[in-house]
């Protein structure tokens, strides 16, 4: 998978991997459909950060959840 390419499939992949890695129940409200390609670079930055670390403090998880919330599409 080439994450350098902006695509809906890559957005879905990154969101699912972030949710898997953090393994937090309240991330169930975060769906790939909540994001679009306009926020791709920001989402990729969060994805890269999450994939680099092995564990997260509660504060880090909260900050990541807040950042993902800020990137959601306005409906």
PDB file of N, CA and C in Angstrom:
ATOM      1  N   UNK A   1       0.848  -1.179   0.000  1.00  0.00           N
ATOM      2  CA  UNK A   1       0.000   0.000   0.000  1.00  0.00           C
ATOM      3  C   UNK A   1       0.891   1.239   0.000  1.00  0.00           C
ATOM      4  N   UNK A   2       0.625   2.129  -0.919  1.00  0.00           N
ATOM      5  CA  UNK A   2       1.414   3.357  -1.047  1.00  0.00           C
ATOM      6  C   UNK A   2       0.670   4.517  -0.382  1.00  0.00           C
ATOM      7  N   UNK A   3       1.042   4.796   0.850  1.00  0.00           N
ATOM      8  CA  UNK A   3       0.349   5.846   1.600  1.00  0.00           C
ATOM      9  C   UNK A   3       0.736   7.245   1.153  1.00  0.00           C
ATOM     10  N   UNK A   4       1.681   7.351   0.219  1.00  0.00           N
ATOM     11  CA  UNK A   4       2.026   8.663  -0.332  1.00  0.00           C
ATOM     12  C   UNK A   4       0.919   9.154  -1.270  1.00  0.00           C
ATOM     13  N   UNK A   5       0.075   8.237  -1.721  1.00  0.00           N
ATOM     14  CA  UNK A   5      -1.028   8.583  -2.617  1.00  0.00           C
ATOM     15  C   UNK A   5      -2.277   8.905  -1.810  1.00  0.00           C
ATOM     16  N   UNK A   6      -2.866  10.056  -2.065  1.00  0.00           N
ATOM     17  CA  UNK A   6      -4.111  10.424  -1.388  1.00  0.00           C
ATOM     18  C   UNK A   6      -5.250   9.649  -2.021  1.00  0.00           C
ATOM     19  N   UNK A   7      -5.925   8.839  -1.200  1.00  0.00           N
ATOM     20  CA  UNK A   7      -7.074   8.097  -1.704  1.00  0.00           C
ATOM     21  C   UNK A   7      -7.997   7.747  -0.546  1.00  0.00           C
ATOM     22  N   UNK A   8      -9.237   7.477  -0.881  1.00  0.00           N
ATOM     23  CA  UNK A   8     -10.211   7.064   0.126  1.00  0.00           C
ATOM     24  C   UNK A   8      -9.764   5.753   0.770  1.00  0.00           C
ATOM     25  N   UNK A   9      -9.221   4.863  -0.028  1.00  0.00           N
ATOM     26  CA  UNK A   9      -8.765   3.571   0.494  1.00  0.00           C
ATOM     27  C   UNK A   9      -7.644   3.756   1.523  1.00  0.00           C
ATOM     28  N   UNK A  10      -6.723   4.674   1.251  1.00  0.00           N
ATOM     29  CA  UNK A  10      -5.634   4.917   2.194  1.00  0.00           C
ATOM     30  C   UNK A  10      -6.145   5.561   3.477  1.00  0.00           C
ATOM     31  N   UNK A  11      -7.122   6.454   3.366  1.00  0.00           N
ATOM     32  CA  UNK A  11      -7.736   7.055   4.562  1.00  0.00           C
ATOM     33  C   UNK A  11      -8.348   5.940   5.410  1.00  0.00           C
ATOM     34  N   UNK A  12      -9.104   5.056   4.767  1.00  0.00           N
ATOM     35  CA  UNK A  12      -9.727   3.946   5.493  1.00  0.00           C
ATOM     36  C   UNK A  12      -8.675   3.072   6.159  1.00  0.00           C
ATOM     37  N   UNK A  13      -7.621   2.752   5.436  1.00  0.00           N
ATOM     38  CA  UNK A  13      -6.556   1.912   5.968  1.00  0.00           C
ATOM     39  C   UNK A  13      -5.924   2.555   7.203  1.00  0.00           C
ATOM     40  N   UNK A  14      -5.570   3.835   7.110  1.00  0.00           N
ATOM     41  CA  UNK A  14      -4.894   4.500   8.229  1.00  0.00           C
ATOM     42  C   UNK A  14      -5.798   4.588   9.455  1.00  0.00           C
ATOM     43  N   UNK A  15      -7.063   4.934   9.264  1.00  0.00           N
ATOM     44  CA  UNK A  15      -7.987   5.014  10.397  1.00  0.00           C
ATOM     45  C   UNK A  15      -8.115   3.661  11.080  1.00  0.00           C
ATOM     46  N   UNK A  16      -8.287   2.616  10.300  1.00  0.00           N
ATOM     47  CA  UNK A  16      -8.423   1.281  10.893  1.00  0.00           C
ATOM     48  C   UNK A  16      -7.155   0.863  11.630  1.00  0.00           C
ATOM     49  N   UNK A  17      -5.992   1.150  11.086  1.00  0.00           N
ATOM     50  CA  UNK A  17      -4.731   0.786  11.747  1.00  0.00           C
ATOM     51  C   UNK A  17      -4.531   1.586  13.031  1.00  0.00           C
ATOM     52  N   UNK A  18      -4.895   2.858  13.016  1.00  0.00           N
ATOM     53  CA  UNK A  18      -4.792   3.677  14.234  1.00  0.00           C
ATOM     54  C   UNK A  18      -5.698   3.085  15.308  1.00  0.00           C
ATOM     55  N   UNK A  19      -6.920   2.758  14.945  1.00  0.00           N
ATOM     56  CA  UNK A  19      -7.855   2.179  15.915  1.00  0.00           C
ATOM     57  C   UNK A  19      -7.334   0.856  16.463  1.00  0.00           C
ATOM     58  N   UNK A  20      -6.790   0.008  15.588  1.00  0.00           N
ATOM     59  CA  UNK A  20      -6.234  -1.281  16.025  1.00  0.00           C
ATOM     60  C   UNK A  20      -5.082  -1.083  17.002  1.00  0.00           C
ATOM     61  N   UNK A  21      -4.177  -0.192  16.655  1.00  0.00           N
ATOM     62  CA  UNK A  21      -2.969   0.002  17.459  1.00  0.00           C
ATOM     63  C   UNK A  21      -3.308   0.572  18.834  1.00  0.00           C
ATOM     64  N   UNK A  22      -4.236   1.506  18.874  1.00  0.00           N
ATOM     65  CA  UNK A  22      -4.603   2.118  20.151  1.00  0.00           C
ATOM     66  C   UNK A  22      -5.529   1.221  20.963  1.00  0.00           C
ATOM     67  N   UNK A  23      -6.298   0.371  20.270  1.00  0.00           N
ATOM     68  CA  UNK A  23      -7.156  -0.605  20.936  1.00  0.00           C
ATOM     69  C   UNK A  23      -7.992   0.013  22.055  1.00  0.00           C
ATOM     70  N   UNK A  24      -8.689   1.074  21.724  1.00  0.00           N
ATOM     71  CA  UNK A  24      -9.507   1.780  22.706  1.00  0.00           C
ATOM     72  C   UNK A  24     -10.961   1.710  22.268  1.00  0.00           C
ATOM     73  N   UNK A  25     -11.844   1.385  23.177  1.00  0.00           N
ATOM     74  CA  UNK A  25     -13.248   1.190  22.835  1.00  0.00           C
ATOM     75  C   UNK A  25     -13.921   2.448  22.307  1.00  0.00           C
ATOM     76  N   UNK A  26     -13.611   3.601  22.849  1.00  0.00           N
ATOM     77  CA  UNK A  26     -14.313   4.807  22.419  1.00  0.00           C
ATOM     78  C   UNK A  26     -13.902   5.270  21.025  1.00  0.00           C
ATOM     79  N   UNK A  27     -12.969   4.585  20.391  1.00  0.00           N
ATOM     80  CA  UNK A  27     -12.620   4.904  19.016  1.00  0.00           C
ATOM     81  C   UNK A  27     -13.631   4.303  18.045  1.00  0.00           C
ATOM     82  N   UNK A  28     -14.612   3.559  18.551  1.00  0.00           N
ATOM     83  CA  UNK A  28     -15.654   3.012  17.697  1.00  0.00           C
ATOM     84  C   UNK A  28     -16.459   4.083  16.998  1.00  0.00           C
ATOM     85  N   UNK A  29     -16.490   5.263  17.564  1.00  0.00           N
ATOM     86  CA  UNK A  29     -17.230   6.368  16.962  1.00  0.00           C
ATOM     87  C   UNK A  29     -16.468   6.997  15.798  1.00  0.00           C
ATOM     88  N   UNK A  30     -15.212   6.620  15.624  1.00  0.00           N
ATOM     89  CA  UNK A  30     -14.399   7.188  14.547  1.00  0.00           C
ATOM     90  C   UNK A  30     -14.444   6.228  13.365  1.00  0.00           C
ATOM     91  N   UNK A  31     -15.017   6.714  12.273  1.00  0.00           N
ATOM     92  CA  UNK A  31     -15.159   5.889  11.081  1.00  0.00           C
ATOM     93  C   UNK A  31     -14.399   6.533   9.921  1.00  0.00           C
ATOM     94  N   UNK A  32     -13.867   5.723   9.029  1.00  0.00           N
ATOM     95  CA  UNK A  32     -13.158   6.292   7.870  1.00  0.00           C
ATOM     96  C   UNK A  32     -14.005   7.269   7.065  1.00  0.00           C
ATOM     97  N   UNK A  33     -15.312   7.060   7.040  1.00  0.00           N
ATOM     98  CA  UNK A  33     -16.191   7.950   6.273  1.00  0.00           C
ATOM     99  C   UNK A  33     -16.259   9.356   6.864  1.00  0.00           C
ATOM    100  N   UNK A  34     -15.770   9.540   8.080  1.00  0.00           N
ATOM    101  CA  UNK A  34     -15.757  10.854   8.715  1.00  0.00           C
ATOM    102  C   UNK A  34     -14.644  11.749   8.189  1.00  0.00           C
ATOM    103  N   UNK A  35     -13.764  11.189   7.369  1.00  0.00           N
ATOM    104  CA  UNK A  35     -12.583  11.917   6.914  1.00  0.00           C
ATOM    105  C   UNK A  35     -12.575  12.006   5.397  1.00  0.00           C
ATOM    106  N   UNK A  36     -11.955  13.050   4.888  1.00  0.00           N
ATOM    107  CA  UNK A  36     -11.810  13.141   3.444  1.00  0.00           C
ATOM    108  C   UNK A  36     -10.350  13.426   3.100  1.00  0.00           C
ATOM    109  N   UNK A  37     -10.077  13.489   1.826  1.00  0.00           N
ATOM    110  CA  UNK A  37      -8.695  13.614   1.369  1.00  0.00           C
ATOM    111  C   UNK A  37      -8.101  14.996   1.639  1.00  0.00           C
ATOM    112  N   UNK A  38      -8.927  15.988   1.963  1.00  0.00           N
ATOM    113  CA  UNK A  38      -8.398  17.321   2.265  1.00  0.00           C
ATOM    114  C   UNK A  38      -7.509  17.306   3.503  1.00  0.00           C
ATOM    115  N   UNK A  39      -7.801  16.424   4.412  1.00  0.00           N
ATOM    116  CA  UNK A  39      -7.043  16.327   5.660  1.00  0.00           C
ATOM    117  C   UNK A  39      -6.028  15.192   5.616  1.00  0.00           C
ATOM    118  N   UNK A  40      -5.688  14.743   4.425  1.00  0.00           N
ATOM    119  CA  UNK A  40      -4.844  13.553   4.268  1.00  0.00           C
ATOM    120  C   UNK A  40      -3.487  13.704   4.946  1.00  0.00           C
ATOM    121  N   UNK A  41      -2.815  14.812   4.726  1.00  0.00           N
ATOM    122  CA  UNK A  41      -1.466  14.994   5.293  1.00  0.00           C
ATOM    123  C   UNK A  41      -1.502  14.965   6.814  1.00  0.00           C
ATOM    124  N   UNK A  42      -2.490  15.618   7.409  1.00  0.00           N
ATOM    125  CA  UNK A  42      -2.608  15.625   8.864  1.00  0.00           C
ATOM    126  C   UNK A  42      -2.893  14.224   9.392  1.00  0.00           C
ATOM    127  N   UNK A  43      -3.781  13.513   8.702  1.00  0.00           N
ATOM    128  CA  UNK A  43      -4.088  12.148   9.105  1.00  0.00           C
ATOM    129  C   UNK A  43      -2.857  11.259   8.971  1.00  0.00           C
ATOM    130  N   UNK A  44      -2.102  11.436   7.920  1.00  0.00           N
ATOM    131  CA  UNK A  44      -0.874  10.653   7.702  1.00  0.00           C
ATOM    132  C   UNK A  44       0.134  10.917   8.814  1.00  0.00           C
ATOM    133  N   UNK A  45       0.229  12.173   9.271  1.00  0.00           N
ATOM    134  CA  UNK A  45       1.128  12.505  10.385  1.00  0.00           C
ATOM    135  C   UNK A  45       0.722  11.759  11.652  1.00  0.00           C
ATOM    136  N   UNK A  46      -0.572  11.733  11.937  1.00  0.00           N
ATOM    137  CA  UNK A  46      -1.056  11.018  13.122  1.00  0.00           C
ATOM    138  C   UNK A  46      -0.777   9.526  12.966  1.00  0.00           C
ATOM    139  N   UNK A  47      -1.060   8.995  11.785  1.00  0.00           N
ATOM    140  CA  UNK A  47      -0.805   7.577  11.515  1.00  0.00           C
ATOM    141  C   UNK A  47       0.670   7.243  11.751  1.00  0.00           C
ATOM    142  N   UNK A  48       1.567   8.055  11.198  1.00  0.00           N
ATOM    143  CA  UNK A  48       3.006   7.798  11.357  1.00  0.00           C
ATOM    144  C   UNK A  48       3.407   7.816  12.829  1.00  0.00           C
ATOM    145  N   UNK A  49       2.893   8.771  13.579  1.00  0.00           N
ATOM    146  CA  UNK A  49       3.195   8.867  15.008  1.00  0.00           C
ATOM    147  C   UNK A  49       2.720   7.616  15.747  1.00  0.00           C
ATOM    148  N   UNK A  50       1.487   7.215  15.494  1.00  0.00           N
ATOM    149  CA  UNK A  50       0.911   6.059  16.186  1.00  0.00           C
ATOM    150  C   UNK A  50       1.678   4.782  15.847  1.00  0.00           C
ATOM    151  N   UNK A  51       2.055   4.621  14.590  1.00  0.00           N
ATOM    152  CA  UNK A  51       2.744   3.396  14.182  1.00  0.00           C
ATOM    153  C   UNK A  51       4.165   3.304  14.746  1.00  0.00           C
ATOM    154  N   UNK A  52       4.778   4.435  15.073  1.00  0.00           N
ATOM    155  CA  UNK A  52       6.150   4.433  15.607  1.00  0.00           C
ATOM    156  C   UNK A  52       6.212   3.987  17.059  1.00  0.00           C
ATOM    157  N   UNK A  53       5.155   4.252  17.820  1.00  0.00           N
ATOM    158  CA  UNK A  53       5.189   3.990  19.261  1.00  0.00           C
ATOM    159  C   UNK A  53       4.621   2.628  19.599  1.00  0.00           C
ATOM    160  N   UNK A  54       5.127   2.048  20.687  1.00  0.00           N
ATOM    161  CA  UNK A  54       4.633   0.758  21.142  1.00  0.00           C
ATOM    162  C   UNK A  54       3.533   0.876  22.179  1.00  0.00           C
ATOM    163  N   UNK A  55       3.531   1.973  22.920  1.00  0.00           N
ATOM    164  CA  UNK A  55       2.496   2.157  23.941  1.00  0.00           C
ATOM    165  C   UNK A  55       2.188   3.642  24.080  1.00  0.00           C
ATOM    166  N   UNK A  56       1.026   3.908  24.669  1.00  0.00           N
ATOM    167  CA  UNK A  56       0.554   5.279  24.792  1.00  0.00           C
ATOM    168  C   UNK A  56       0.005   5.508  26.185  1.00  0.00           C
ATOM    169  N   UNK A  57       0.281   6.682  26.727  1.00  0.00           N
ATOM    170  CA  UNK A  57      -0.304   7.054  28.007  1.00  0.00           C
ATOM    171  C   UNK A  57      -1.758   7.448  27.764  1.00  0.00           C
ATOM    172  N   UNK A  58      -2.579   7.462  28.807  1.00  0.00           N
ATOM    173  CA  UNK A  58      -3.963   7.926  28.635  1.00  0.00           C
ATOM    174  C   UNK A  58      -4.026   9.345  28.059  1.00  0.00           C
ATOM    175  N   UNK A  59      -3.114  10.205  28.469  1.00  0.00           N
ATOM    176  CA  UNK A  59      -3.104  11.568  27.943  1.00  0.00           C
ATOM    177  C   UNK A  59      -2.782  11.594  26.451  1.00  0.00           C
ATOM    178  N   UNK A  60      -1.844  10.739  26.032  1.00  0.00           N
ATOM    179  CA  UNK A  60      -1.518  10.663  24.604  1.00  0.00           C
ATOM    180  C   UNK A  60      -2.707  10.156  23.798  1.00  0.00           C
ATOM    181  N   UNK A  61      -3.396   9.152  24.322  1.00  0.00           N
ATOM    182  CA  UNK A  61      -4.557   8.622  23.616  1.00  0.00           C
ATOM    183  C   UNK A  61      -5.655   9.675  23.506  1.00  0.00           C
ATOM    184  N   UNK A  62      -5.843  10.428  24.568  1.00  0.00           N
ATOM    185  CA  UNK A  62      -6.846  11.490  24.533  1.00  0.00           C
ATOM    186  C   UNK A  62      -6.469  12.546  23.502  1.00  0.00           C
ATOM    187  N   UNK A  63      -5.201  12.913  23.458  1.00  0.00           N
ATOM    188  CA  UNK A  63      -4.736  13.921  22.496  1.00  0.00           C
ATOM    189  C   UNK A  63      -4.922  13.422  21.061  1.00  0.00           C
ATOM    190  N   UNK A  64      -4.627  12.161  20.824  1.00  0.00           N
ATOM    191  CA  UNK A  64      -4.802  11.594  19.481  1.00  0.00           C
ATOM    192  C   UNK A  64      -6.279  11.591  19.102  1.00  0.00           C
ATOM    193  N   UNK A  65      -7.122  11.182  20.034  1.00  0.00           N
ATOM    194  CA  UNK A  65      -8.571  11.179  19.767  1.00  0.00           C
ATOM    195  C   UNK A  65      -9.070  12.592  19.465  1.00  0.00           C
ATOM    196  N   UNK A  66      -8.575  13.575  20.206  1.00  0.00           N
ATOM    197  CA  UNK A  66      -8.976  14.965  19.968  1.00  0.00           C
ATOM    198  C   UNK A  66      -8.516  15.438  18.593  1.00  0.00           C
ATOM    199  N   UNK A  67      -7.295  15.085  18.219  1.00  0.00           N
ATOM    200  CA  UNK A  67      -6.788  15.482  16.899  1.00  0.00           C
ATOM    201  C   UNK A  67      -7.604  14.839  15.790  1.00  0.00           C
ATOM    202  N   UNK A  68      -7.940  13.565  15.952  1.00  0.00           N
ATOM    203  CA  UNK A  68      -8.769  12.912  14.944  1.00  0.00           C
ATOM    204  C   UNK A  68     -10.141  13.580  14.880  1.00  0.00           C
ATOM    205  N   UNK A  69     -10.670  13.958  16.029  1.00  0.00           N
ATOM    206  CA  UNK A  69     -11.943  14.674  16.062  1.00  0.00           C
ATOM    207  C   UNK A  69     -11.864  15.999  15.334  1.00  0.00           C
ATOM    208  N   UNK A  70     -10.735  16.695  15.469  1.00  0.00           N
ATOM    209  CA  UNK A  70     -10.565  17.972  14.784  1.00  0.00           C
ATOM    210  C   UNK A  70     -10.477  17.813  13.273  1.00  0.00           C
ATOM    211  N   UNK A  71     -10.050  16.638  12.811  1.00  0.00           N
ATOM    212  CA  UNK A  71      -9.897  16.399  11.375  1.00  0.00           C
ATOM    213  C   UNK A  71     -11.188  15.927  10.703  1.00  0.00           C
ATOM    214  N   UNK A  72     -12.193  15.580  11.521  1.00  0.00           N
ATOM    215  CA  UNK A  72     -13.443  15.072  10.940  1.00  0.00           C
ATOM    216  C   UNK A  72     -14.080  16.094  10.029  1.00  0.00           C
ATOM    217  N   UNK A  73     -14.771  15.574   9.021  1.00  0.00           N
ATOM    218  CA  UNK A  73     -15.508  16.437   8.085  1.00  0.00           C
ATOM    219  C   UNK A  73     -16.597  17.169   8.843  1.00  0.00           C
ATOM    220  N   UNK A  74     -16.827  18.397   8.464  1.00  0.00           N
ATOM    221  CA  UNK A  74     -17.961  19.148   9.002  1.00  0.00           C
ATOM    222  C   UNK A  74     -19.187  18.807   8.173  1.00  0.00           C
ATOM    223  N   UNK A  75     -20.190  18.279   8.831  1.00  0.00           N
ATOM    224  CA  UNK A  75     -21.403  17.894   8.093  1.00  0.00           C
ATOM    225  C   UNK A  75     -22.540  18.802   8.449  1.00  0.00           C
TER     226      UNK A  75
END
